[in-house]
Amino acid sequence: MVEVKLVTLDEPCSACIIITNLIKEMFKELEAQMPEVAFTIIEMQHIKELKAIKGVEVEKMPIILIQDEQISAGSLPNKRYLKQLIEEEIG
C-alpha cells in the first residue's frame, strides 16, 4: 500500500493554515479516487518533532511525503502532479 503523509504543526502560521487546509481538501478528494492509498495527517506540537519523521529533508511546513520521500515543503503542489506521483508509486 502506498502511504502519503501531510506533516504540519498543530498551531501553524496564517499562511501555513491556508496551504495545509487546501492540501487536506486535496487529500480527501484523492482518497475517494484512490482507495489503495493511505493518506495520513501528522500534526506536531513543535518543529523539533520533525527529526522523528522518516524522509523529511527540508524543514518548511507543510510537508508532503510519499513513501517516506519528501515531495513538497511549504508549498501547494498541483493536484494532477501529486496524483501522478502517487500513481507512479502504485505502479
C-alpha atoms as a PDB file:
ATOM      1  CA  MET A   1       0.000   0.000   0.000  1.00  0.00           C
ATOM      2  CA  VAL A   2       1.257   3.470  -0.879  1.00  0.00           C
ATOM      3  CA  GLU A   3       1.451   5.887   2.039  1.00  0.00           C
ATOM      4  CA  VAL A   4       1.089   9.653   1.618  1.00  0.00           C
ATOM      5  CA  LYS A   5       1.664  11.903   4.632  1.00  0.00           C
ATOM      6  CA  LEU A   6       0.962  15.538   5.339  1.00  0.00           C
ATOM      7  CA  VAL A   7       3.197  16.877   8.114  1.00  0.00           C
ATOM      8  CA  THR A   8       2.260  20.168   9.752  1.00  0.00           C
ATOM      9  CA  LEU A   9       2.289  21.961  13.059  1.00  0.00           C
ATOM     10  CA  ASP A  10      -0.658  21.826  15.451  1.00  0.00           C
ATOM     11  CA  GLU A  11      -0.630  25.646  15.538  1.00  0.00           C
ATOM     12  CA  PRO A  12       0.827  26.827  12.207  1.00  0.00           C
ATOM     13  CA  CYS A  13       1.218  30.394  10.955  1.00  0.00           C
ATOM     14  CA  SER A  14      -1.600  32.023   8.951  1.00  0.00           C
ATOM     15  CA  ALA A  15      -0.104  31.219   5.546  1.00  0.00           C
ATOM     16  CA  CYS A  16       0.559  27.613   6.590  1.00  0.00           C
ATOM     17  CA  ILE A  17      -3.043  27.224   7.755  1.00  0.00           C
ATOM     18  CA  ILE A  18      -4.307  28.161   4.298  1.00  0.00           C
ATOM     19  CA  ILE A  19      -1.916  25.823   2.463  1.00  0.00           C
ATOM     20  CA  THR A  20      -2.481  22.997   4.957  1.00  0.00           C
ATOM     21  CA  ASN A  21      -6.264  23.233   4.623  1.00  0.00           C
ATOM     22  CA  LEU A  22      -6.018  23.171   0.819  1.00  0.00           C
ATOM     23  CA  ILE A  23      -3.787  20.080   0.992  1.00  0.00           C
ATOM     24  CA  LYS A  24      -6.229  18.396   3.397  1.00  0.00           C
ATOM     25  CA  GLU A  25      -9.049  19.028   0.903  1.00  0.00           C
ATOM     26  CA  MET A  26      -6.876  17.636  -1.885  1.00  0.00           C
ATOM     27  CA  PHE A  27      -6.157  14.534   0.225  1.00  0.00           C
ATOM     28  CA  LYS A  28      -9.918  13.981   0.747  1.00  0.00           C
ATOM     29  CA  GLU A  29     -10.574  14.181  -2.990  1.00  0.00           C
ATOM     30  CA  LEU A  30      -7.698  11.859  -3.860  1.00  0.00           C
ATOM     31  CA  GLU A  31      -8.616   9.439  -1.067  1.00  0.00           C
ATOM     32  CA  ALA A  32     -12.035   8.962  -2.678  1.00  0.00           C
ATOM     33  CA  GLN A  33     -10.374   8.255  -6.040  1.00  0.00           C
ATOM     34  CA  MET A  34      -7.538   6.090  -4.711  1.00  0.00           C
ATOM     35  CA  PRO A  35      -8.747   3.645  -2.023  1.00  0.00           C
ATOM     36  CA  GLU A  36      -5.463   1.721  -2.237  1.00  0.00           C
ATOM     37  CA  VAL A  37      -3.563   4.722  -0.842  1.00  0.00           C
ATOM     38  CA  ALA A  38      -3.234   5.539   2.872  1.00  0.00           C
ATOM     39  CA  PHE A  39      -3.438   9.293   3.453  1.00  0.00           C
ATOM     40  CA  THR A  40      -2.147  10.346   6.877  1.00  0.00           C
ATOM     41  CA  ILE A  41      -2.029  13.746   8.565  1.00  0.00           C
ATOM     42  CA  ILE A  42       0.631  14.296  11.216  1.00  0.00           C
ATOM     43  CA  GLU A  43       0.180  17.392  13.384  1.00  0.00           C
ATOM     44  CA  MET A  44       3.154  18.128  15.614  1.00  0.00           C
ATOM     45  CA  GLN A  45       3.323  20.272  18.719  1.00  0.00           C
ATOM     46  CA  HIS A  46       6.863  21.505  17.998  1.00  0.00           C
ATOM     47  CA  ILE A  47       9.135  21.600  14.955  1.00  0.00           C
ATOM     48  CA  LYS A  48      11.743  19.556  16.868  1.00  0.00           C
ATOM     49  CA  GLU A  49       9.470  16.531  16.357  1.00  0.00           C
ATOM     50  CA  LEU A  50      10.438  16.508  12.655  1.00  0.00           C
ATOM     51  CA  LYS A  51      13.603  14.584  13.492  1.00  0.00           C
ATOM     52  CA  ALA A  52      11.445  11.546  14.267  1.00  0.00           C
ATOM     53  CA  ILE A  53       9.696  11.562  10.880  1.00  0.00           C
ATOM     54  CA  LYS A  54      11.446   9.487   8.246  1.00  0.00           C
ATOM     55  CA  GLY A  55      12.044  11.177   4.902  1.00  0.00           C
ATOM     56  CA  VAL A  56      11.956  14.824   5.982  1.00  0.00           C
ATOM     57  CA  GLU A  57      14.792  16.752   4.347  1.00  0.00           C
ATOM     58  CA  VAL A  58      13.617  20.387   4.229  1.00  0.00           C
ATOM     59  CA  GLU A  59      12.055  21.708   7.420  1.00  0.00           C
ATOM     60  CA  LYS A  60       9.467  24.020   5.887  1.00  0.00           C
ATOM     61  CA  MET A  61       5.778  23.460   6.616  1.00  0.00           C
ATOM     62  CA  PRO A  62       3.577  21.903   5.453  1.00  0.00           C
ATOM     63  CA  ILE A  63       5.433  18.860   4.160  1.00  0.00           C
ATOM     64  CA  ILE A  64       4.125  16.102   1.884  1.00  0.00           C
ATOM     65  CA  LEU A  65       5.822  12.703   1.890  1.00  0.00           C
ATOM     66  CA  ILE A  66       5.113   9.812  -0.473  1.00  0.00           C
ATOM     67  CA  GLN A  67       6.572   6.505   0.694  1.00  0.00           C
ATOM     68  CA  ASP A  68       8.793   8.486   3.118  1.00  0.00           C
ATOM     69  CA  GLU A  69      10.192  10.653   0.311  1.00  0.00           C
ATOM     70  CA  GLN A  70       9.626  14.393   0.619  1.00  0.00           C
ATOM     71  CA  ILE A  71       7.965  15.871  -2.449  1.00  0.00           C
ATOM     72  CA  SER A  72       6.818  19.222  -1.071  1.00  0.00           C
ATOM     73  CA  ALA A  73       7.946  21.755   1.535  1.00  0.00           C
ATOM     74  CA  GLY A  74       5.922  24.861   2.319  1.00  0.00           C
ATOM     75  CA  SER A  75       4.010  24.913  -0.940  1.00  0.00           C
ATOM     76  CA  LEU A  76       0.818  23.662  -2.518  1.00  0.00           C
ATOM     77  CA  PRO A  77       1.520  21.095  -5.243  1.00  0.00           C
ATOM     78  CA  ASN A  78      -0.680  20.831  -8.293  1.00  0.00           C
ATOM     79  CA  LYS A  79      -3.304  18.107  -7.686  1.00  0.00           C
ATOM     80  CA  ARG A  80      -2.638  16.420 -11.042  1.00  0.00           C
ATOM     81  CA  TYR A  81       1.092  16.343 -10.315  1.00  0.00           C
ATOM     82  CA  LEU A  82       0.530  14.887  -6.837  1.00  0.00           C
ATOM     83  CA  LYS A  83      -1.825  12.257  -8.253  1.00  0.00           C
ATOM     84  CA  GLN A  84       0.730  11.368 -10.937  1.00  0.00           C
ATOM     85  CA  LEU A  85       3.467  10.886  -8.322  1.00  0.00           C
ATOM     86  CA  ILE A  86       1.192   8.643  -6.267  1.00  0.00           C
ATOM     87  CA  GLU A  87       0.172   6.605  -9.328  1.00  0.00           C
ATOM     88  CA  GLU A  88       3.846   6.073 -10.188  1.00  0.00           C
ATOM     89  CA  GLU A  89       4.326   4.534  -6.728  1.00  0.00           C
ATOM     90  CA  ILE A  90       1.282   2.315  -7.183  1.00  0.00           C
ATOM     91  CA  GLY A  91       2.908   1.105 -10.395  1.00  0.00           C
END
